[in-house]
Amino acid sequence: MKKILMLTTGGTIAGEHTETGLVPVYSGEQLVSMVPEMRELCELECKDIMQLDGTNVQPEDWITMAEAVYDAQEDYDGVIITHGTDTMAYSACAVSLMVQNLRKPVIFTGSQIALIDEHSDGKRNLIDAVHAAMSGVPGVYVVFCGRMIQGIRSQKMFTRELDAFHSINAEDAGYIQDGKVILNKEIPMPREALILDTKLEPKVVQLKLLPGIEPKQLESMLGMGYYGIILEAFGCGGIPNQQRNLLPCLKRAKQFGVAVLIATQCKYGYVDLTVYDVNVQAAREGALSVYDMSIEAAAVKLMWVLGHTKDLDEVRKMMETCYVGEFTEKK
């Protein structure tokens, strides 16, 4: 039987109803006792590494997860991480970047309904996660409602629907049906050595642009100690440059040594800073494109890059390098 490690971090799947709402309390062993079929499929060990609502997961917790995944690579055939759904995509992105060249599956899963509840989706997700973890498919994935999504491309799309996670700007890696993992395309085994790289700078902020946004809102962020700002811009990366002109703020950001990324408010599509005047002028002031990364992947990657360097030229080089399939490289 395959030997699988299940790391538990809390989340809805481990939740208990209290007078203040759902609170994660159940350990990994308690979760497995509610889904005993898991131990019929594999040799399963549990390790509780934190007990948090997904909302309370912090960047420092990503490091704990990454280190646990790295430490498990020699002794286990696969790893499952149970996690709160609200920040699961961020954690999956972080582990993808921090533990590169994985030769075994690392599977994030959870549930929209607590496992103790009668109609929980947790049982299906846990069993599917076991099958995915046993599959030998290398890399980090989110397994949810039958989907198998590359972790770096995952995003939670619905607050309550069971089919909560979708793949952003990339097809699903595959799906789980009747206990079988069916891939949409072959996933090659990496040739490079396994890497653990947990350098991280969490001082990053995100600002969603609205028509009428005042430049002083962006300007005020430059003196607050942030090393990176992500602007959720319009369309393929439009930044206002007439009334309420934001371009002087971008120039000031460069002077402050603050990296500025341009993302899009659209769920799907590619940020292209070569199309319109409102894109091109922003790029001339040093703003960087997130290409077709999800907002989660862009934010986590920027933190990871800034953990390695604060030099803006080096930041640009690293942001323009595709490490784990986080964006679609143009041919």
Protein backbone atom coordinates (compact mmCIF):
# COMPACT_ATOMS: atom_id res chain seq x y z
CA MET A 1 0.00 0.00 0.00
CA LYS A 2 1.13 3.55 -0.70
CA LYS A 3 2.26 5.51 2.35
CA ILE A 4 0.53 8.90 2.57
CA LEU A 5 1.00 11.73 5.08
CA MET A 6 -1.96 13.96 5.87
CA LEU A 7 -1.03 17.37 7.27
CA THR A 8 -3.93 19.17 8.92
CA THR A 9 -4.19 22.95 9.24
CA GLY A 10 -7.81 23.42 10.33
CA GLY A 11 -10.46 24.91 8.08
CA THR A 12 -14.16 24.21 7.61
CA ILE A 13 -13.52 20.50 7.15
CA ALA A 14 -12.31 20.32 10.77
CA GLY A 15 -15.02 22.62 12.07
CA GLU A 16 -17.35 22.31 15.03
CA HIS A 17 -20.45 24.47 15.55
CA THR A 18 -20.15 26.89 18.48
CA GLU A 19 -22.16 29.85 19.73
CA THR A 20 -19.86 32.15 17.74
CA GLY A 21 -19.99 30.08 14.55
CA LEU A 22 -17.92 27.31 13.02
CA VAL A 23 -14.48 26.80 14.60
CA PRO A 24 -11.85 24.25 13.49
CA VAL A 25 -11.21 21.81 16.34
CA TYR A 26 -10.87 18.26 14.94
CA SER A 27 -7.48 16.59 14.55
CA GLY A 28 -6.36 14.58 11.58
CA GLU A 29 -7.03 11.30 13.37
CA GLN A 30 -10.54 12.47 14.20
CA LEU A 31 -11.16 13.39 10.56
CA VAL A 32 -9.95 9.97 9.43
CA SER A 33 -12.22 8.28 12.00
CA MET A 34 -15.15 9.99 10.23
CA VAL A 35 -13.94 8.68 6.84
CA PRO A 36 -12.48 5.24 7.67
CA GLU A 37 -12.40 4.32 3.95
CA MET A 38 -9.23 6.40 3.69
CA ARG A 39 -7.25 3.75 5.57
CA GLU A 40 -8.62 1.03 3.33
CA LEU A 41 -6.88 2.71 0.39
CA CYS A 42 -3.44 3.47 1.80
CA GLU A 43 -1.18 3.48 4.81
CA LEU A 44 -2.14 6.86 6.21
CA GLU A 45 -0.40 8.89 8.87
CA CYS A 46 -1.64 12.20 10.27
CA LYS A 47 0.27 15.19 11.54
CA ASP A 48 -1.48 18.27 12.91
CA ILE A 49 0.65 21.33 12.11
CA MET A 50 -1.86 24.09 12.93
CA GLN A 51 -5.55 24.55 13.70
CA LEU A 52 -6.70 27.69 11.89
CA ASP A 53 -9.69 29.04 10.07
CA GLY A 54 -8.45 29.72 6.54
CA THR A 55 -8.98 33.44 7.12
CA ASN A 56 -6.32 33.37 9.86
CA VAL A 57 -3.60 31.68 7.79
CA GLN A 58 -0.58 34.00 7.49
CA PRO A 59 2.47 33.99 5.17
CA GLU A 60 4.59 32.57 7.99
CA ASP A 61 2.24 29.55 8.04
CA TRP A 62 3.06 28.87 4.37
CA ILE A 63 6.66 28.31 5.46
CA THR A 64 5.53 25.76 8.06
CA MET A 65 3.54 23.90 5.39
CA ALA A 66 6.41 24.00 2.89
CA GLU A 67 8.92 22.68 5.40
CA ALA A 68 6.57 19.85 6.38
CA VAL A 69 6.06 18.93 2.72
CA TYR A 70 9.80 18.97 2.06
CA ASP A 71 10.54 16.83 5.12
CA ALA A 72 7.97 14.25 3.99
CA GLN A 73 9.41 13.65 0.53
CA GLU A 74 11.75 10.81 1.44
CA ASP A 75 9.43 8.77 3.65
CA TYR A 76 6.03 9.12 1.94
CA ASP A 77 4.55 8.50 -1.49
CA GLY A 78 2.35 11.57 -1.31
CA VAL A 79 1.11 14.35 0.97
CA ILE A 80 -2.40 15.65 1.65
CA ILE A 81 -2.93 19.05 3.26
CA THR A 82 -6.38 19.78 4.66
CA HIS A 83 -6.96 23.52 4.65
CA GLY A 84 -9.60 26.21 4.94
CA THR A 85 -11.00 27.03 1.53
CA ASP A 86 -10.85 30.82 1.77
CA THR A 87 -7.04 31.01 1.54
CA MET A 88 -6.26 27.57 0.15
CA ALA A 89 -5.22 28.97 -3.23
CA TYR A 90 -2.69 31.30 -1.58
CA SER A 91 -1.16 28.42 0.38
CA ALA A 92 -1.10 26.15 -2.67
CA CYS A 93 0.71 28.88 -4.63
CA ALA A 94 3.20 29.39 -1.81
CA VAL A 95 4.06 25.71 -1.42
CA SER A 96 4.39 25.45 -5.22
CA LEU A 97 7.07 28.15 -5.22
CA MET A 98 8.79 27.14 -2.00
CA VAL A 99 9.11 23.41 -2.75
CA GLN A 100 10.10 23.10 -6.39
CA ASN A 101 10.83 20.01 -8.51
CA LEU A 102 8.54 17.76 -6.50
CA ARG A 103 8.53 14.15 -7.67
CA LYS A 104 5.48 13.20 -5.62
CA PRO A 105 1.93 14.57 -5.30
CA VAL A 106 1.08 17.25 -2.76
CA ILE A 107 -2.69 17.61 -2.56
CA PHE A 108 -4.58 20.47 -0.93
CA THR A 109 -8.21 19.81 -0.08
CA GLY A 110 -10.94 20.81 2.33
CA SER A 111 -14.69 21.29 2.29
CA GLN A 112 -17.42 23.88 2.04
CA ILE A 113 -19.49 22.04 4.65
CA ALA A 114 -18.01 20.76 7.91
CA LEU A 115 -17.21 17.04 7.91
CA ILE A 116 -19.41 16.49 10.97
CA ASP A 117 -22.45 17.67 9.01
CA GLU A 118 -24.65 15.15 7.25
CA HIS A 119 -24.30 16.50 3.73
CA SER A 120 -20.64 17.49 3.92
CA ASP A 121 -18.57 17.46 0.75
CA GLY A 122 -15.56 16.70 2.92
CA LYS A 123 -15.82 12.91 2.66
CA ARG A 124 -15.71 12.94 -1.13
CA ASN A 125 -12.88 15.46 -1.19
CA LEU A 126 -10.78 13.48 1.29
CA ILE A 127 -11.20 10.21 -0.61
CA ASP A 128 -10.44 11.95 -3.91
CA ALA A 129 -7.37 13.52 -2.28
CA VAL A 130 -6.13 10.08 -1.23
CA HIS A 131 -6.44 8.80 -4.79
CA ALA A 132 -4.62 11.86 -6.10
CA ALA A 133 -1.88 11.53 -3.47
CA MET A 134 -1.43 7.86 -4.46
CA SER A 135 -1.28 8.65 -8.18
CA GLY A 136 2.41 9.49 -8.38
CA VAL A 137 1.65 12.66 -10.37
CA PRO A 138 4.36 15.16 -9.34
CA GLY A 139 3.55 18.66 -8.12
CA VAL A 140 1.14 20.68 -5.98
CA TYR A 141 -2.59 20.43 -6.70
CA VAL A 142 -5.94 21.46 -5.29
CA VAL A 143 -8.41 18.56 -5.38
CA PHE A 144 -11.99 19.68 -4.89
CA CYS A 145 -15.36 18.46 -6.17
CA GLY A 146 -13.65 15.99 -8.48
CA ARG A 147 -11.34 18.53 -10.05
CA MET A 148 -7.55 18.31 -9.90
CA ILE A 149 -6.14 21.81 -10.37
CA GLN A 150 -2.52 22.89 -10.51
CA GLY A 151 -1.99 24.68 -7.19
CA ILE A 152 -0.33 27.74 -8.69
CA ARG A 153 -3.35 28.24 -10.99
CA SER A 154 -6.11 27.64 -8.44
CA GLN A 155 -8.67 30.17 -7.25
CA LYS A 156 -11.77 29.96 -5.08
CA MET A 157 -14.63 31.18 -7.26
CA PHE A 158 -17.71 30.63 -5.08
CA THR A 159 -18.37 31.36 -1.43
CA ARG A 160 -20.70 28.39 -0.85
CA GLU A 161 -20.99 26.25 -4.01
CA LEU A 162 -19.38 22.82 -3.67
CA ASP A 163 -17.56 23.19 -7.01
CA ALA A 164 -15.70 26.10 -5.47
CA PHE A 165 -12.28 26.02 -7.15
CA HIS A 166 -11.43 26.65 -10.78
CA SER A 167 -8.20 26.84 -12.74
CA ILE A 168 -7.29 30.36 -13.91
CA ASN A 169 -6.07 30.70 -17.50
CA ALA A 170 -5.11 27.01 -17.71
CA GLU A 171 -7.11 23.82 -18.06
CA ASP A 172 -7.58 21.56 -15.05
CA ALA A 173 -4.69 19.15 -14.59
CA GLY A 174 -7.26 16.36 -14.51
CA TYR A 175 -10.11 14.91 -12.51
CA ILE A 176 -10.93 12.03 -10.19
CA GLN A 177 -13.67 9.66 -11.28
CA ASP A 178 -14.58 6.36 -9.60
CA GLY A 179 -11.29 6.33 -7.73
CA LYS A 180 -9.20 6.93 -10.83
CA VAL A 181 -7.06 9.97 -11.55
CA ILE A 182 -7.52 10.99 -15.19
CA LEU A 183 -5.08 13.62 -16.46
CA ASN A 184 -5.88 16.06 -19.24
CA LYS A 185 -2.27 15.93 -20.37
CA GLU A 186 0.90 14.15 -19.33
CA ILE A 187 2.80 15.80 -16.48
CA PRO A 188 6.54 15.16 -16.79
CA MET A 189 8.76 14.20 -13.88
CA PRO A 190 11.17 17.04 -13.08
CA ARG A 191 14.85 16.44 -13.80
CA GLU A 192 16.25 19.02 -11.40
CA ALA A 193 16.92 18.39 -7.71
CA LEU A 194 14.26 19.06 -5.09
CA ILE A 195 14.50 22.61 -3.73
CA LEU A 196 13.24 24.13 -0.49
CA ASP A 197 13.29 27.92 -0.71
CA THR A 198 11.16 29.67 1.89
CA LYS A 199 12.49 33.22 1.63
CA LEU A 200 9.52 35.55 1.93
CA GLU A 201 8.74 39.26 2.31
CA PRO A 202 5.07 39.70 3.33
CA LYS A 203 5.09 43.52 3.17
CA VAL A 204 2.99 43.64 0.01
CA VAL A 205 -0.34 45.44 -0.47
CA GLN A 206 -3.08 45.19 -3.08
CA LEU A 207 -5.24 48.06 -4.34
CA LYS A 208 -8.27 47.68 -6.58
CA LEU A 209 -8.75 50.68 -8.86
CA LEU A 210 -12.16 52.34 -9.17
CA PRO A 211 -13.19 55.09 -11.58
CA GLY A 212 -12.48 58.27 -9.62
CA ILE A 213 -9.77 56.81 -7.38
CA GLU A 214 -7.57 59.57 -6.01
CA PRO A 215 -3.80 59.44 -6.59
CA LYS A 216 -3.26 60.21 -2.90
CA GLN A 217 -4.64 56.75 -2.05
CA LEU A 218 -1.76 55.17 -3.92
CA GLU A 219 0.68 57.87 -2.83
CA SER A 220 -0.12 57.21 0.85
CA MET A 221 1.03 53.59 0.50
CA LEU A 222 4.53 54.60 -0.53
CA GLY A 223 5.49 55.74 2.96
CA MET A 224 3.97 52.81 4.84
CA GLY A 225 6.86 50.36 4.58
CA TYR A 226 5.57 48.21 1.73
CA TYR A 227 8.09 46.78 -0.71
CA GLY A 228 5.49 45.79 -3.31
CA ILE A 229 2.13 47.09 -4.52
CA ILE A 230 -0.29 45.17 -6.74
CA LEU A 231 -2.73 47.36 -8.66
CA GLU A 232 -5.87 45.61 -9.89
CA ALA A 233 -6.27 47.68 -13.03
CA PHE A 234 -8.91 47.85 -15.75
CA GLY A 235 -9.05 45.44 -18.69
CA CYS A 236 -5.64 44.27 -19.84
CA GLY A 237 -3.88 46.63 -17.44
CA GLY A 238 -5.22 50.17 -17.87
CA ILE A 239 -3.95 52.81 -15.41
CA PRO A 240 -5.69 56.25 -15.43
CA ASN A 241 -3.32 58.90 -16.80
CA GLN A 242 -5.49 62.00 -17.35
CA GLN A 243 -7.87 63.23 -14.64
CA ARG A 244 -6.67 61.81 -11.31
CA ASN A 245 -3.46 60.75 -13.07
CA LEU A 246 -1.70 57.85 -11.31
CA LEU A 247 1.50 57.98 -13.38
CA PRO A 248 3.33 60.36 -10.99
CA CYS A 249 2.64 57.82 -8.22
CA LEU A 250 4.27 55.09 -10.27
CA LYS A 251 7.31 57.30 -10.79
CA ARG A 252 7.45 57.98 -7.05
CA ALA A 253 7.16 54.27 -6.29
CA LYS A 254 10.27 53.64 -8.36
CA GLN A 255 12.09 56.36 -6.39
CA PHE A 256 10.99 54.69 -3.13
CA GLY A 257 12.24 51.32 -4.42
CA VAL A 258 8.72 49.88 -4.36
CA ALA A 259 7.85 47.25 -6.97
CA VAL A 260 4.49 47.83 -8.69
CA LEU A 261 2.64 44.99 -10.40
CA ILE A 262 -0.26 45.54 -12.77
CA ALA A 263 -2.99 42.91 -12.51
CA THR A 264 -6.48 42.90 -14.01
CA GLN A 265 -9.90 42.98 -12.41
CA CYS A 266 -10.99 40.39 -14.98
CA LYS A 267 -10.92 36.77 -13.80
CA TYR A 268 -9.51 35.52 -17.08
CA GLY A 269 -7.11 36.88 -19.66
CA TYR A 270 -3.62 38.29 -20.08
CA VAL A 271 -2.31 41.61 -18.80
CA ASP A 272 -0.57 43.24 -21.77
CA LEU A 273 1.20 46.55 -21.18
CA THR A 274 1.88 47.10 -24.90
CA VAL A 275 -1.66 47.65 -26.23
CA TYR A 276 -3.06 51.03 -25.13
CA ASP A 277 -1.59 54.35 -24.11
CA VAL A 278 -2.90 53.74 -20.58
CA ASN A 279 -0.87 50.49 -20.48
CA VAL A 280 2.30 51.63 -22.23
CA GLN A 281 2.86 54.73 -20.15
CA ALA A 282 2.48 52.73 -16.93
CA ALA A 283 5.09 50.26 -18.15
CA ARG A 284 7.44 53.16 -19.01
CA GLU A 285 7.23 54.21 -15.36
CA GLY A 286 8.45 50.78 -14.30
CA ALA A 287 5.19 48.91 -13.64
CA LEU A 288 5.37 45.16 -14.24
CA SER A 289 2.76 42.87 -15.79
CA VAL A 290 1.46 39.81 -13.94
CA TYR A 291 0.77 38.26 -17.38
CA ASP A 292 -2.04 35.70 -16.87
CA MET A 293 -1.30 34.79 -13.25
CA SER A 294 -4.18 34.62 -10.82
CA ILE A 295 -4.19 37.43 -8.29
CA GLU A 296 -3.25 34.87 -5.60
CA ALA A 297 -0.27 33.62 -7.59
CA ALA A 298 0.87 37.17 -8.37
CA ALA A 299 0.69 38.24 -4.72
CA VAL A 300 2.47 35.17 -3.37
CA LYS A 301 5.14 35.27 -6.08
CA LEU A 302 5.84 38.94 -5.39
CA MET A 303 6.29 38.16 -1.68
CA TRP A 304 8.59 35.27 -2.58
CA VAL A 305 10.62 37.35 -5.04
CA LEU A 306 10.97 40.23 -2.58
CA GLY A 307 12.21 37.71 -0.04
CA HIS A 308 15.16 37.18 -2.37
CA THR A 309 15.84 40.74 -3.50
CA LYS A 310 14.62 44.32 -3.11
CA ASP A 311 16.59 45.52 -6.17
CA LEU A 312 13.95 46.53 -8.73
CA ASP A 313 15.94 45.27 -11.71
CA GLU A 314 16.33 41.87 -10.06
CA VAL A 315 12.66 41.89 -9.04
CA ARG A 316 11.75 42.44 -12.69
CA LYS A 317 13.94 39.54 -13.83
CA MET A 318 12.46 37.16 -11.28
CA MET A 319 8.86 38.23 -11.91
CA GLU A 320 9.45 37.69 -15.65
CA THR A 321 10.80 34.17 -14.99
CA CYS A 322 8.24 31.36 -14.99
CA TYR A 323 9.27 28.97 -12.20
CA VAL A 324 6.37 26.53 -11.75
CA GLY A 325 3.95 27.26 -14.58
CA GLU A 326 2.47 30.32 -12.85
CA PHE A 327 1.95 32.12 -16.15
CA THR A 328 1.65 31.17 -19.81
CA GLU A 329 4.89 31.86 -21.59
CA LYS A 330 4.33 33.41 -25.00
CA LYS A 331 5.97 31.53 -27.87
